[in-house]
């Protein structure tokens, strides 16, 4: 989730941790023409083909980091969560238009099966389906994930994440106990 308030930006994980390793991205986002905003979003690092590279994200390759923006929940003091998804996405698209570090995650109507097949053929993880008239829900009441079972980049991801976490914990321990 992206929180912008009074010229500052915080990038917050699902577990409510602040991503401080992406300060250049946050500084860029803080320049959006808003007093405050909350954007449902995800930090990604893309390869030359435009595919997300999870390993580069884990390695905190900040220079190439961008933000995929899915939904606009608050904008300049207005709570938008009860508006339809389509209305929120229109507002989001206007807000982020032209910003080089922000990508608008468009929606596909009436071609979901075809779109999912394309996602699978490109070896992408999957899609999220939401009803276009639904209000925002942080839990999957009005939306669901449709995952590509053949997605190759998921293999070893859990182990890679655990190894990364263990290395970082060891480095912190070593720094605290010289």
Protein backbone atom coordinates (compact mmCIF):
# COMPACT_ATOMS: atom_id res chain seq x y z
CA UNK A 1 0.00 0.00 0.00
CA UNK A 2 1.25 3.48 -0.83
CA UNK A 3 0.51 6.29 1.62
CA UNK A 4 1.13 9.86 0.47
CA UNK A 5 0.66 12.67 2.99
CA UNK A 6 1.82 16.27 2.90
CA UNK A 7 4.73 15.71 0.52
CA UNK A 8 5.95 12.41 1.98
CA UNK A 9 5.38 8.85 0.86
CA UNK A 10 5.48 5.56 2.73
CA UNK A 11 5.48 2.19 0.99
CA UNK A 12 3.95 -0.38 3.37
CA UNK A 13 3.96 -4.18 3.04
CA UNK A 14 1.02 -6.51 3.67
CA UNK A 15 2.51 -7.16 7.11
CA UNK A 16 2.61 -3.41 7.83
CA UNK A 17 6.37 -3.04 7.45
CA UNK A 18 7.72 0.07 5.78
CA UNK A 19 9.94 -0.48 2.75
CA UNK A 20 12.84 1.87 3.45
CA UNK A 21 15.09 0.35 0.80
CA UNK A 22 12.96 1.99 -1.87
CA UNK A 23 13.33 5.57 -0.66
CA UNK A 24 14.14 6.93 -4.16
CA UNK A 25 10.83 5.50 -5.41
CA UNK A 26 8.98 6.90 -2.39
CA UNK A 27 10.57 10.34 -2.90
CA UNK A 28 9.43 10.32 -6.51
CA UNK A 29 5.88 9.37 -5.51
CA UNK A 30 5.76 12.09 -2.86
CA UNK A 31 5.79 14.62 -5.72
CA UNK A 32 2.35 13.59 -6.96
CA UNK A 33 -0.04 16.58 -6.94
CA UNK A 34 -2.03 15.50 -3.87
CA UNK A 35 -2.33 16.45 -0.22
CA UNK A 36 -2.95 12.81 0.64
CA UNK A 37 -3.70 9.56 -1.10
CA UNK A 38 -3.75 5.85 -0.45
CA UNK A 39 -3.04 3.60 -3.43
CA UNK A 40 -3.36 -0.17 -3.49
CA UNK A 41 -0.12 -1.02 -5.26
CA UNK A 42 2.86 -3.32 -5.56
CA UNK A 43 6.57 -2.61 -5.98
CA UNK A 44 8.08 -4.54 -8.87
CA UNK A 45 11.32 -4.75 -10.81
CA UNK A 46 10.79 -5.60 -14.47
CA UNK A 47 13.06 -7.43 -16.89
CA UNK A 48 13.66 -6.40 -20.51
CA UNK A 49 10.39 -8.09 -21.53
CA UNK A 50 8.38 -6.21 -18.91
CA UNK A 51 7.96 -9.22 -16.61
CA UNK A 52 8.32 -8.87 -12.86
CA UNK A 53 11.55 -10.35 -11.48
CA UNK A 54 10.97 -11.35 -7.87
CA UNK A 55 14.66 -12.08 -7.25
CA UNK A 56 15.64 -8.54 -8.24
CA UNK A 57 13.00 -7.23 -5.85
CA UNK A 58 14.41 -9.41 -3.07
CA UNK A 59 17.87 -8.05 -3.83
CA UNK A 60 16.44 -4.53 -3.44
CA UNK A 61 17.45 -3.39 -6.92
CA UNK A 62 16.05 0.05 -6.24
CA UNK A 63 17.07 1.79 -9.46
CA UNK A 64 14.71 -0.28 -11.57
CA UNK A 65 11.83 -0.38 -9.09
CA UNK A 66 8.46 0.84 -10.22
CA UNK A 67 5.01 0.75 -8.68
CA UNK A 68 2.05 -1.04 -10.22
CA UNK A 69 -1.06 0.84 -9.13
CA UNK A 70 -4.30 -1.12 -8.84
CA UNK A 71 -6.75 0.99 -6.90
CA UNK A 72 -7.20 4.43 -5.32
CA UNK A 73 -8.75 4.27 -1.85
CA UNK A 74 -8.35 7.84 -0.56
CA UNK A 75 -7.67 11.06 -2.39
CA UNK A 76 -7.28 14.49 -0.78
CA UNK A 77 -9.36 13.59 2.26
CA UNK A 78 -12.09 11.77 0.35
CA UNK A 79 -12.72 8.10 1.18
CA UNK A 80 -13.28 6.40 -2.18
CA UNK A 81 -13.69 2.82 -0.95
CA UNK A 82 -17.49 2.80 -1.41
CA UNK A 83 -17.25 3.90 -5.05
CA UNK A 84 -17.24 1.29 -7.78
CA UNK A 85 -13.92 -0.18 -8.91
CA UNK A 86 -14.37 1.47 -12.31
CA UNK A 87 -14.80 4.92 -10.74
CA UNK A 88 -11.79 4.45 -8.45
CA UNK A 89 -9.62 3.27 -11.34
CA UNK A 90 -10.61 6.28 -13.49
CA UNK A 91 -9.54 8.60 -10.70
CA UNK A 92 -6.33 6.64 -10.19
CA UNK A 93 -5.46 6.79 -13.88
CA UNK A 94 -5.89 10.58 -13.92
CA UNK A 95 -3.78 10.95 -10.77
CA UNK A 96 -0.77 8.94 -11.96
CA UNK A 97 -0.85 9.79 -15.68
CA UNK A 98 2.61 10.66 -16.97
CA UNK A 99 4.54 9.56 -13.88
CA UNK A 100 7.52 7.48 -15.04
CA UNK A 101 7.72 5.29 -11.92
CA UNK A 102 4.00 4.41 -11.84
CA UNK A 103 2.21 1.89 -14.03
CA UNK A 104 -1.55 1.79 -14.16
CA UNK A 105 -2.95 -1.73 -13.85
CA UNK A 106 -5.82 -1.53 -16.29
CA UNK A 107 -8.85 -3.77 -16.13
CA UNK A 108 -10.11 -6.16 -18.76
CA UNK A 109 -13.84 -6.59 -19.30
CA UNK A 110 -15.64 -9.50 -20.96
CA UNK A 111 -12.38 -11.21 -21.99
CA UNK A 112 -11.18 -12.69 -18.70
CA UNK A 113 -10.68 -16.23 -19.97
CA UNK A 114 -8.77 -15.00 -23.03
CA UNK A 115 -6.69 -12.68 -20.84
CA UNK A 116 -5.86 -15.48 -18.41
CA UNK A 117 -4.73 -17.71 -21.29
CA UNK A 118 -2.43 -14.91 -22.47
CA UNK A 119 -1.03 -14.53 -18.95
CA UNK A 120 -0.31 -18.26 -18.81
CA UNK A 121 1.30 -18.29 -22.26
CA UNK A 122 3.66 -15.53 -21.10
CA UNK A 123 4.59 -17.46 -17.94
CA UNK A 124 3.10 -14.87 -15.60
CA UNK A 125 1.79 -15.62 -12.12
CA UNK A 126 -1.89 -14.97 -12.60
CA UNK A 127 -4.64 -12.38 -12.41
CA UNK A 128 -6.96 -10.84 -9.85
CA UNK A 129 -10.65 -10.72 -10.70
CA UNK A 130 -12.86 -8.01 -9.21
CA UNK A 131 -16.42 -7.01 -9.94
CA UNK A 132 -16.35 -3.65 -11.70
CA UNK A 133 -19.18 -2.21 -9.59
CA UNK A 134 -17.92 -3.47 -6.24
CA UNK A 135 -16.68 -1.24 -3.43
CA UNK A 136 -13.14 -1.79 -2.16
CA UNK A 137 -12.55 -4.78 0.11
CA UNK A 138 -9.15 -5.58 1.63
CA UNK A 139 -10.13 -9.21 2.06
CA UNK A 140 -11.29 -11.39 -0.83
CA UNK A 141 -15.02 -10.85 -0.46
CA UNK A 142 -15.55 -9.26 -3.86
CA UNK A 143 -12.38 -10.42 -5.59
CA UNK A 144 -10.22 -13.49 -6.05
CA UNK A 145 -6.86 -14.55 -7.44
CA UNK A 146 -6.66 -16.87 -10.41
CA UNK A 147 -3.20 -18.41 -10.41
CA UNK A 148 -1.27 -19.96 -13.28
CA UNK A 149 -0.43 -23.46 -12.03
CA UNK A 150 2.42 -23.72 -14.55
CA UNK A 151 4.10 -20.46 -13.49
CA UNK A 152 7.79 -21.40 -13.46
CA UNK A 153 9.12 -18.47 -11.46
CA UNK A 154 7.27 -19.59 -8.34
CA UNK A 155 9.43 -22.67 -8.01
CA UNK A 156 11.95 -22.20 -5.23
CA UNK A 157 10.47 -18.82 -4.29
CA UNK A 158 9.62 -19.81 -0.72
CA UNK A 159 13.07 -21.30 -0.15
CA UNK A 160 14.72 -18.26 -1.73
CA UNK A 161 12.75 -15.94 0.54
CA UNK A 162 13.61 -18.00 3.64
CA UNK A 163 17.32 -18.09 2.69
CA UNK A 164 17.27 -14.34 2.09
CA UNK A 165 15.63 -13.74 5.49
CA UNK A 166 18.14 -16.04 7.25
CA UNK A 167 21.13 -14.25 5.64
CA UNK A 168 19.77 -10.86 6.65
CA UNK A 169 19.09 -12.04 10.21
CA UNK A 170 22.64 -13.40 10.44
CA UNK A 171 24.07 -10.12 9.11
CA UNK A 172 22.09 -8.12 11.68
CA UNK A 173 23.21 -10.48 14.44
CA UNK A 174 26.87 -10.17 13.33
CA UNK A 175 26.60 -6.37 13.22
CA UNK A 176 25.13 -6.26 16.72
CA UNK A 177 27.68 -8.71 18.14
CA UNK A 178 31.10 -7.81 16.64
